[in-house]
N, C-alpha and C. Protein backbone atom coordinates (compact mmCIF):
# COMPACT_ATOMS: atom_id res chain seq x y z
N MET A 1 -28.44 -85.84 -33.69
CA MET A 1 -27.52 -84.82 -34.13
C MET A 1 -27.78 -84.46 -35.60
N VAL A 2 -27.97 -85.49 -36.41
CA VAL A 2 -28.20 -85.26 -37.83
C VAL A 2 -29.52 -84.53 -38.03
N HIS A 3 -30.55 -84.90 -37.26
CA HIS A 3 -31.85 -84.25 -37.39
C HIS A 3 -31.77 -82.78 -37.00
N ARG A 4 -31.00 -82.47 -35.96
CA ARG A 4 -30.86 -81.09 -35.53
C ARG A 4 -30.15 -80.26 -36.61
N MET A 5 -29.14 -80.86 -37.28
CA MET A 5 -28.43 -80.16 -38.33
C MET A 5 -29.35 -79.92 -39.54
N ARG A 6 -30.17 -80.91 -39.90
CA ARG A 6 -31.12 -80.75 -40.99
C ARG A 6 -32.14 -79.66 -40.68
N PHE A 7 -32.62 -79.65 -39.45
CA PHE A 7 -33.58 -78.64 -39.04
C PHE A 7 -32.96 -77.24 -39.14
N THR A 8 -31.73 -77.11 -38.69
CA THR A 8 -31.04 -75.82 -38.74
C THR A 8 -30.86 -75.37 -40.18
N LEU A 9 -30.46 -76.27 -41.07
CA LEU A 9 -30.30 -75.92 -42.47
C LEU A 9 -31.63 -75.52 -43.11
N ALA A 10 -32.69 -76.24 -42.79
CA ALA A 10 -34.01 -75.90 -43.32
C ALA A 10 -34.47 -74.55 -42.81
N LEU A 11 -34.21 -74.27 -41.55
CA LEU A 11 -34.58 -72.97 -40.97
C LEU A 11 -33.81 -71.84 -41.64
N LEU A 12 -32.52 -72.03 -41.87
CA LEU A 12 -31.71 -71.01 -42.53
C LEU A 12 -32.18 -70.77 -43.96
N ALA A 13 -32.53 -71.83 -44.67
CA ALA A 13 -33.02 -71.69 -46.04
C ALA A 13 -34.35 -70.94 -46.06
N THR A 14 -35.22 -71.22 -45.10
CA THR A 14 -36.51 -70.53 -45.02
C THR A 14 -36.31 -69.05 -44.74
N VAL A 15 -35.41 -68.73 -43.84
CA VAL A 15 -35.14 -67.33 -43.52
C VAL A 15 -34.55 -66.62 -44.73
N ALA A 16 -33.66 -67.28 -45.46
CA ALA A 16 -33.04 -66.67 -46.64
C ALA A 16 -34.08 -66.41 -47.72
N LEU A 17 -34.98 -67.37 -47.96
CA LEU A 17 -36.03 -67.18 -48.96
C LEU A 17 -37.00 -66.09 -48.54
N GLY A 18 -37.32 -66.04 -47.27
CA GLY A 18 -38.23 -65.02 -46.77
C GLY A 18 -37.65 -63.63 -46.90
N SER A 19 -36.36 -63.49 -46.60
CA SER A 19 -35.74 -62.17 -46.73
C SER A 19 -35.60 -61.78 -48.19
N ALA A 20 -35.40 -62.75 -49.08
CA ALA A 20 -35.35 -62.43 -50.52
C ALA A 20 -36.72 -61.96 -51.00
N ALA A 21 -37.78 -62.57 -50.48
CA ALA A 21 -39.13 -62.15 -50.87
C ALA A 21 -39.42 -60.74 -50.37
N LEU A 22 -38.98 -60.41 -49.16
CA LEU A 22 -39.19 -59.07 -48.64
C LEU A 22 -38.37 -58.04 -49.42
N ALA A 23 -37.17 -58.40 -49.82
CA ALA A 23 -36.30 -57.46 -50.52
C ALA A 23 -36.82 -57.16 -51.92
N THR A 24 -37.41 -58.16 -52.60
CA THR A 24 -37.88 -57.96 -53.97
C THR A 24 -39.34 -57.56 -54.03
N GLY A 25 -40.04 -57.61 -52.92
CA GLY A 25 -41.45 -57.22 -52.90
C GLY A 25 -42.38 -58.33 -53.35
N GLY A 26 -41.92 -59.54 -53.38
CA GLY A 26 -42.77 -60.66 -53.79
C GLY A 26 -42.05 -61.97 -53.60
N PRO A 27 -42.67 -63.07 -54.05
CA PRO A 27 -42.05 -64.38 -53.89
C PRO A 27 -40.82 -64.50 -54.80
N PRO A 28 -39.84 -65.32 -54.41
CA PRO A 28 -38.65 -65.49 -55.24
C PRO A 28 -39.04 -66.01 -56.62
N GLY A 29 -38.47 -65.46 -57.67
CA GLY A 29 -38.72 -65.92 -59.02
C GLY A 29 -39.96 -65.35 -59.65
N ALA A 30 -40.71 -64.52 -58.95
CA ALA A 30 -41.96 -63.99 -59.51
C ALA A 30 -41.69 -62.87 -60.50
N ALA A 31 -40.66 -62.09 -60.29
CA ALA A 31 -40.38 -60.96 -61.18
C ALA A 31 -39.37 -61.38 -62.23
N GLY A 32 -39.60 -60.97 -63.47
CA GLY A 32 -38.65 -61.22 -64.55
C GLY A 32 -38.57 -62.66 -64.96
N THR A 33 -39.63 -63.41 -64.88
CA THR A 33 -39.60 -64.81 -65.26
C THR A 33 -39.85 -64.95 -66.75
N ALA A 34 -39.60 -66.16 -67.28
CA ALA A 34 -39.75 -66.40 -68.70
C ALA A 34 -41.21 -66.32 -69.13
N ASP A 35 -42.13 -66.70 -68.25
CA ASP A 35 -43.54 -66.67 -68.58
C ASP A 35 -44.08 -65.30 -68.18
N ALA A 36 -44.36 -64.46 -69.15
CA ALA A 36 -44.79 -63.10 -68.87
C ALA A 36 -46.31 -62.97 -68.89
N SER A 37 -47.02 -64.07 -68.63
CA SER A 37 -48.47 -64.02 -68.68
C SER A 37 -48.99 -63.20 -67.50
N PRO A 38 -50.00 -62.38 -67.74
CA PRO A 38 -50.56 -61.60 -66.64
C PRO A 38 -51.28 -62.52 -65.66
N ARG A 39 -51.11 -62.24 -64.38
CA ARG A 39 -51.72 -63.07 -63.36
C ARG A 39 -52.56 -62.19 -62.45
N SER A 40 -53.61 -62.77 -61.93
CA SER A 40 -54.39 -62.05 -60.95
C SER A 40 -53.59 -62.00 -59.65
N ALA A 41 -54.00 -61.14 -58.75
CA ALA A 41 -53.32 -61.03 -57.46
C ALA A 41 -53.42 -62.33 -56.68
N VAL A 42 -54.54 -63.02 -56.83
CA VAL A 42 -54.72 -64.29 -56.12
C VAL A 42 -53.75 -65.33 -56.66
N ALA A 43 -53.62 -65.42 -57.99
CA ALA A 43 -52.71 -66.39 -58.59
C ALA A 43 -51.26 -66.05 -58.27
N ALA A 44 -50.91 -64.78 -58.23
CA ALA A 44 -49.55 -64.37 -57.91
C ALA A 44 -49.21 -64.68 -56.46
N ALA A 45 -50.21 -64.71 -55.59
CA ALA A 45 -49.97 -65.00 -54.17
C ALA A 45 -49.69 -66.47 -53.92
N ARG A 46 -49.83 -67.31 -54.93
CA ARG A 46 -49.57 -68.75 -54.78
C ARG A 46 -48.11 -69.10 -54.98
N TYR A 47 -47.23 -68.13 -55.00
CA TYR A 47 -45.80 -68.34 -55.19
C TYR A 47 -45.53 -69.16 -56.46
N PRO A 48 -45.74 -68.57 -57.63
CA PRO A 48 -45.54 -69.30 -58.88
C PRO A 48 -44.12 -69.87 -59.00
N GLN A 49 -44.05 -71.10 -59.43
CA GLN A 49 -42.78 -71.80 -59.57
C GLN A 49 -42.57 -72.17 -61.03
N PRO A 50 -41.32 -72.15 -61.50
CA PRO A 50 -41.05 -72.58 -62.86
C PRO A 50 -41.19 -74.10 -62.98
N VAL A 51 -42.00 -74.52 -63.95
CA VAL A 51 -42.24 -75.95 -64.17
C VAL A 51 -42.11 -76.22 -65.66
N ARG A 52 -41.38 -77.28 -66.01
CA ARG A 52 -41.30 -77.66 -67.42
C ARG A 52 -42.63 -78.24 -67.87
N VAL A 53 -42.96 -77.99 -69.12
CA VAL A 53 -44.20 -78.50 -69.70
C VAL A 53 -44.25 -80.01 -69.60
N ALA A 54 -43.12 -80.67 -69.83
CA ALA A 54 -43.08 -82.14 -69.78
C ALA A 54 -43.43 -82.67 -68.39
N ASP A 55 -43.16 -81.88 -67.34
CA ASP A 55 -43.47 -82.31 -65.98
C ASP A 55 -44.95 -82.15 -65.64
N LEU A 56 -45.69 -81.38 -66.41
CA LEU A 56 -47.12 -81.20 -66.17
C LEU A 56 -47.97 -82.23 -66.89
N THR A 57 -47.53 -82.66 -68.05
CA THR A 57 -48.35 -83.60 -68.82
C THR A 57 -48.44 -84.94 -68.10
N GLY A 58 -49.65 -85.48 -68.12
CA GLY A 58 -49.91 -86.76 -67.47
C GLY A 58 -50.39 -86.65 -66.04
N ARG A 59 -50.33 -85.48 -65.44
CA ARG A 59 -50.79 -85.32 -64.05
C ARG A 59 -52.31 -85.27 -64.00
N GLN A 60 -52.84 -85.71 -62.88
CA GLN A 60 -54.28 -85.65 -62.66
C GLN A 60 -54.68 -84.26 -62.19
N LEU A 61 -55.82 -83.78 -62.67
CA LEU A 61 -56.38 -82.50 -62.25
C LEU A 61 -57.46 -82.78 -61.22
N LEU A 62 -57.31 -82.21 -60.03
CA LEU A 62 -58.23 -82.45 -58.93
C LEU A 62 -59.08 -81.22 -58.67
N GLU A 63 -60.28 -81.43 -58.11
CA GLU A 63 -61.10 -80.30 -57.70
C GLU A 63 -60.59 -79.78 -56.37
N ASP A 64 -60.88 -78.51 -56.08
CA ASP A 64 -60.40 -77.88 -54.85
C ASP A 64 -61.45 -78.00 -53.75
N ARG A 65 -61.68 -79.21 -53.34
CA ARG A 65 -62.63 -79.52 -52.26
C ARG A 65 -61.99 -80.58 -51.37
N PRO A 66 -62.52 -80.79 -50.18
CA PRO A 66 -61.89 -81.77 -49.28
C PRO A 66 -61.76 -83.17 -49.87
N ASN A 67 -62.74 -83.63 -50.66
CA ASN A 67 -62.64 -84.99 -51.20
C ASN A 67 -61.76 -85.06 -52.44
N GLN A 68 -61.46 -83.94 -53.08
CA GLN A 68 -60.56 -83.82 -54.23
C GLN A 68 -60.80 -84.88 -55.30
N ARG A 69 -61.98 -84.84 -55.86
CA ARG A 69 -62.34 -85.75 -56.95
C ARG A 69 -61.48 -85.45 -58.17
N VAL A 70 -61.13 -86.48 -58.94
CA VAL A 70 -60.34 -86.31 -60.15
C VAL A 70 -61.24 -85.78 -61.26
N LEU A 71 -60.86 -84.63 -61.83
CA LEU A 71 -61.64 -84.02 -62.90
C LEU A 71 -61.14 -84.46 -64.27
N GLY A 72 -59.89 -84.81 -64.38
CA GLY A 72 -59.33 -85.22 -65.66
C GLY A 72 -57.83 -85.37 -65.57
N ARG A 73 -57.22 -85.54 -66.75
CA ARG A 73 -55.77 -85.72 -66.83
C ARG A 73 -55.23 -84.71 -67.85
N ILE A 74 -54.09 -84.12 -67.53
CA ILE A 74 -53.49 -83.12 -68.41
C ILE A 74 -52.82 -83.83 -69.58
N ASP A 75 -53.30 -83.50 -70.79
CA ASP A 75 -52.73 -84.09 -72.01
C ASP A 75 -51.57 -83.27 -72.54
N ALA A 76 -51.68 -81.95 -72.46
CA ALA A 76 -50.65 -81.08 -73.02
C ALA A 76 -50.79 -79.69 -72.44
N VAL A 77 -49.77 -78.88 -72.66
CA VAL A 77 -49.83 -77.45 -72.34
C VAL A 77 -49.76 -76.72 -73.68
N VAL A 78 -50.75 -75.88 -73.93
CA VAL A 78 -50.86 -75.20 -75.22
C VAL A 78 -50.94 -73.69 -74.99
N ALA A 79 -50.76 -72.94 -76.06
CA ALA A 79 -50.98 -71.50 -76.00
C ALA A 79 -52.48 -71.26 -76.17
N GLY A 80 -53.08 -70.60 -75.20
CA GLY A 80 -54.51 -70.35 -75.24
C GLY A 80 -54.86 -69.29 -76.27
N PRO A 81 -56.15 -68.99 -76.43
CA PRO A 81 -56.58 -67.99 -77.40
C PRO A 81 -56.00 -66.61 -77.12
N ASP A 82 -55.72 -66.31 -75.85
CA ASP A 82 -55.15 -65.01 -75.48
C ASP A 82 -53.62 -65.02 -75.49
N GLY A 83 -53.02 -66.14 -75.86
CA GLY A 83 -51.56 -66.25 -75.92
C GLY A 83 -50.93 -66.76 -74.64
N ASN A 84 -51.68 -66.82 -73.57
CA ASN A 84 -51.17 -67.33 -72.29
C ASN A 84 -51.22 -68.85 -72.29
N PRO A 85 -50.33 -69.50 -71.53
CA PRO A 85 -50.34 -70.96 -71.49
C PRO A 85 -51.63 -71.48 -70.86
N SER A 86 -52.13 -72.56 -71.45
CA SER A 86 -53.33 -73.22 -70.94
C SER A 86 -53.09 -74.72 -70.88
N LEU A 87 -53.76 -75.37 -69.94
CA LEU A 87 -53.68 -76.82 -69.83
C LEU A 87 -54.76 -77.44 -70.70
N LEU A 88 -54.38 -78.39 -71.52
CA LEU A 88 -55.35 -79.15 -72.30
C LEU A 88 -55.69 -80.39 -71.48
N VAL A 89 -56.88 -80.41 -70.91
CA VAL A 89 -57.27 -81.45 -69.96
C VAL A 89 -58.30 -82.37 -70.59
N ARG A 90 -58.04 -83.67 -70.50
CA ARG A 90 -59.02 -84.66 -70.94
C ARG A 90 -59.90 -84.97 -69.75
N ARG A 91 -61.16 -84.51 -69.83
CA ARG A 91 -62.10 -84.71 -68.72
C ARG A 91 -62.48 -86.18 -68.61
N THR A 92 -62.72 -86.60 -67.38
CA THR A 92 -63.18 -87.97 -67.14
C THR A 92 -64.54 -87.93 -66.47
N ARG A 93 -65.33 -88.90 -66.76
CA ARG A 93 -66.62 -89.03 -66.09
C ARG A 93 -66.43 -89.92 -64.86
N TRP A 94 -67.27 -89.74 -63.88
CA TRP A 94 -67.10 -90.50 -62.65
C TRP A 94 -67.33 -91.99 -62.86
N TRP A 95 -68.06 -92.37 -63.90
CA TRP A 95 -68.28 -93.78 -64.17
C TRP A 95 -67.28 -94.32 -65.20
N GLY A 96 -66.34 -93.48 -65.59
CA GLY A 96 -65.34 -93.88 -66.58
C GLY A 96 -65.69 -93.32 -67.94
N GLY A 97 -64.77 -93.37 -68.82
CA GLY A 97 -65.01 -92.87 -70.17
C GLY A 97 -64.46 -91.48 -70.37
N ASP A 98 -64.50 -91.05 -71.61
CA ASP A 98 -63.92 -89.78 -72.02
C ASP A 98 -65.03 -88.76 -72.22
N ALA A 99 -64.83 -87.54 -71.69
CA ALA A 99 -65.81 -86.47 -71.85
C ALA A 99 -65.25 -85.33 -72.69
N GLY A 100 -64.15 -85.57 -73.42
CA GLY A 100 -63.58 -84.55 -74.29
C GLY A 100 -62.49 -83.73 -73.61
N GLU A 101 -61.77 -82.97 -74.44
CA GLU A 101 -60.69 -82.13 -73.95
C GLU A 101 -61.16 -80.69 -73.82
N VAL A 102 -60.73 -80.03 -72.75
CA VAL A 102 -61.04 -78.62 -72.51
C VAL A 102 -59.74 -77.89 -72.19
N MET A 103 -59.76 -76.56 -72.39
CA MET A 103 -58.60 -75.75 -72.07
C MET A 103 -58.84 -75.00 -70.77
N VAL A 104 -57.86 -75.09 -69.86
CA VAL A 104 -57.91 -74.42 -68.56
C VAL A 104 -56.67 -73.54 -68.46
N PRO A 105 -56.82 -72.26 -68.13
CA PRO A 105 -55.63 -71.40 -67.98
C PRO A 105 -54.71 -71.91 -66.87
N VAL A 106 -53.42 -71.84 -67.11
CA VAL A 106 -52.45 -72.28 -66.11
C VAL A 106 -52.59 -71.47 -64.83
N ALA A 107 -52.96 -70.19 -64.96
CA ALA A 107 -53.11 -69.33 -63.78
C ALA A 107 -54.25 -69.79 -62.87
N ALA A 108 -55.17 -70.62 -63.38
CA ALA A 108 -56.30 -71.11 -62.58
C ALA A 108 -55.98 -72.43 -61.89
N ALA A 109 -54.75 -72.91 -62.02
CA ALA A 109 -54.37 -74.19 -61.44
C ALA A 109 -53.18 -74.00 -60.51
N ALA A 110 -52.95 -75.00 -59.66
CA ALA A 110 -51.82 -74.95 -58.73
C ALA A 110 -51.32 -76.37 -58.48
N LEU A 111 -50.04 -76.49 -58.20
CA LEU A 111 -49.42 -77.78 -57.93
C LEU A 111 -49.70 -78.20 -56.50
N LEU A 112 -50.04 -79.47 -56.33
CA LEU A 112 -50.21 -80.07 -55.01
C LEU A 112 -49.54 -81.43 -55.05
N GLY A 113 -48.26 -81.46 -54.74
CA GLY A 113 -47.50 -82.71 -54.84
C GLY A 113 -47.48 -83.20 -56.27
N PRO A 114 -47.84 -84.45 -56.50
CA PRO A 114 -47.84 -84.98 -57.88
C PRO A 114 -49.11 -84.63 -58.65
N PHE A 115 -49.98 -83.83 -58.09
CA PHE A 115 -51.26 -83.49 -58.71
C PHE A 115 -51.31 -82.01 -59.05
N VAL A 116 -52.32 -81.64 -59.83
CA VAL A 116 -52.62 -80.24 -60.12
C VAL A 116 -54.04 -80.00 -59.63
N VAL A 117 -54.25 -78.93 -58.87
CA VAL A 117 -55.55 -78.61 -58.30
C VAL A 117 -56.14 -77.43 -59.07
N LEU A 118 -57.40 -77.53 -59.42
CA LEU A 118 -58.11 -76.45 -60.10
C LEU A 118 -58.59 -75.47 -59.04
N LYS A 119 -57.99 -74.27 -58.99
CA LYS A 119 -58.25 -73.33 -57.91
C LYS A 119 -59.31 -72.28 -58.23
N ASP A 120 -59.26 -71.67 -59.39
CA ASP A 120 -60.11 -70.52 -59.68
C ASP A 120 -61.38 -70.85 -60.46
N ILE A 121 -61.58 -72.11 -60.78
CA ILE A 121 -62.77 -72.53 -61.53
C ILE A 121 -63.43 -73.64 -60.73
N ASP A 122 -64.70 -73.45 -60.35
CA ASP A 122 -65.38 -74.49 -59.59
C ASP A 122 -65.75 -75.66 -60.52
N PRO A 123 -65.95 -76.86 -59.97
CA PRO A 123 -66.21 -78.04 -60.79
C PRO A 123 -67.42 -77.90 -61.72
N GLU A 124 -68.43 -77.14 -61.30
CA GLU A 124 -69.60 -76.96 -62.16
C GLU A 124 -69.24 -76.17 -63.41
N ARG A 125 -68.44 -75.11 -63.24
CA ARG A 125 -67.99 -74.34 -64.40
C ARG A 125 -67.03 -75.15 -65.26
N PHE A 126 -66.23 -76.02 -64.62
CA PHE A 126 -65.30 -76.86 -65.36
C PHE A 126 -66.05 -77.81 -66.30
N THR A 127 -67.11 -78.42 -65.79
CA THR A 127 -67.88 -79.34 -66.64
C THR A 127 -68.61 -78.60 -67.74
N ALA A 128 -68.85 -77.29 -67.57
CA ALA A 128 -69.54 -76.51 -68.60
C ALA A 128 -68.58 -75.92 -69.63
N LEU A 129 -67.26 -76.08 -69.45
CA LEU A 129 -66.31 -75.54 -70.42
C LEU A 129 -66.52 -76.20 -71.79
N PRO A 130 -66.35 -75.43 -72.87
CA PRO A 130 -66.54 -76.02 -74.19
C PRO A 130 -65.44 -77.02 -74.54
N VAL A 131 -65.82 -78.06 -75.23
CA VAL A 131 -64.88 -79.09 -75.65
C VAL A 131 -64.07 -78.56 -76.84
N VAL A 132 -62.77 -78.80 -76.82
CA VAL A 132 -61.90 -78.42 -77.93
C VAL A 132 -62.12 -79.44 -79.03
N SER A 133 -62.76 -79.01 -80.11
CA SER A 133 -63.09 -79.97 -81.16
C SER A 133 -62.50 -79.61 -82.51
N ALA A 134 -62.47 -78.34 -82.85
CA ALA A 134 -62.01 -77.92 -84.17
C ALA A 134 -60.49 -77.79 -84.18
N GLY A 135 -59.82 -78.89 -84.40
CA GLY A 135 -58.36 -78.87 -84.46
C GLY A 135 -57.71 -78.63 -83.12
N ARG A 136 -56.92 -79.57 -82.72
CA ARG A 136 -56.22 -79.46 -81.44
C ARG A 136 -55.14 -78.38 -81.54
N PRO A 137 -55.05 -77.47 -80.54
CA PRO A 137 -54.01 -76.43 -80.58
C PRO A 137 -52.61 -77.05 -80.52
N GLN A 138 -51.64 -76.31 -81.04
CA GLN A 138 -50.25 -76.76 -81.03
C GLN A 138 -49.73 -76.78 -79.60
N ALA A 139 -49.17 -77.91 -79.19
CA ALA A 139 -48.62 -78.04 -77.84
C ALA A 139 -47.31 -77.27 -77.73
N LEU A 140 -47.06 -76.72 -76.55
CA LEU A 140 -45.80 -76.04 -76.29
C LEU A 140 -44.68 -77.08 -76.21
N PRO A 141 -43.43 -76.71 -76.53
CA PRO A 141 -42.33 -77.66 -76.44
C PRO A 141 -42.17 -78.21 -75.02
N ALA A 142 -41.75 -79.45 -74.92
CA ALA A 142 -41.64 -80.12 -73.62
C ALA A 142 -40.63 -79.45 -72.70
N VAL A 143 -39.66 -78.75 -73.25
CA VAL A 143 -38.63 -78.11 -72.42
C VAL A 143 -39.00 -76.68 -72.02
N GLN A 144 -40.09 -76.15 -72.55
CA GLN A 144 -40.49 -74.79 -72.20
C GLN A 144 -40.94 -74.74 -70.74
N VAL A 145 -40.65 -73.62 -70.09
CA VAL A 145 -40.97 -73.44 -68.67
C VAL A 145 -42.16 -72.50 -68.54
N VAL A 146 -43.14 -72.90 -67.74
CA VAL A 146 -44.28 -72.04 -67.42
C VAL A 146 -44.33 -71.88 -65.91
N GLN A 147 -45.01 -70.83 -65.45
CA GLN A 147 -45.11 -70.55 -64.02
C GLN A 147 -46.42 -71.12 -63.48
N VAL A 148 -46.33 -71.99 -62.49
CA VAL A 148 -47.51 -72.61 -61.87
C VAL A 148 -47.43 -72.37 -60.37
N GLY A 149 -48.53 -71.93 -59.79
CA GLY A 149 -48.58 -71.66 -58.36
C GLY A 149 -48.57 -72.94 -57.53
N LEU A 150 -48.40 -72.77 -56.25
CA LEU A 150 -48.41 -73.89 -55.30
C LEU A 150 -49.73 -73.89 -54.54
N ALA A 151 -50.19 -75.08 -54.18
CA ALA A 151 -51.40 -75.24 -53.38
C ALA A 151 -51.03 -75.99 -52.11
N ARG A 152 -51.88 -75.81 -51.13
CA ARG A 152 -51.71 -76.60 -49.91
C ARG A 152 -53.03 -77.27 -49.60
N ASN A 153 -52.92 -78.39 -48.94
CA ASN A 153 -54.09 -79.20 -48.65
C ASN A 153 -54.77 -78.76 -47.39
């Protein structure tokens, strides 16, 4: 009985969210959000969700392949050179050790449970990104909200 009631509530919530998306012409929360960074159509189709900066730091960044190798760990969220939020990722080598910090645009990443998946940059381009060496950029406040898309496995 309890399972049937939970299923009914989940179904009603899904229908309500779907009708809200149809009424606004997009996913809920996509229009008029605090993060006004321009997104590609592909990134906007990932249903961007508001996420606090503090909730992103410390997460592992995975490649978007079936084996999902760990590419690094998110150290901070910073304002990129274009003013849009970027992830400051400490790259890891497969044998261990530090390979330096690189900046990845938030629009190129997506949440997958407790992880962040690199969606729009392949691992070869990720390893070729320049290391941030000349002064670390100022991190965004921990309470600031940025929009991060969702991924599915």
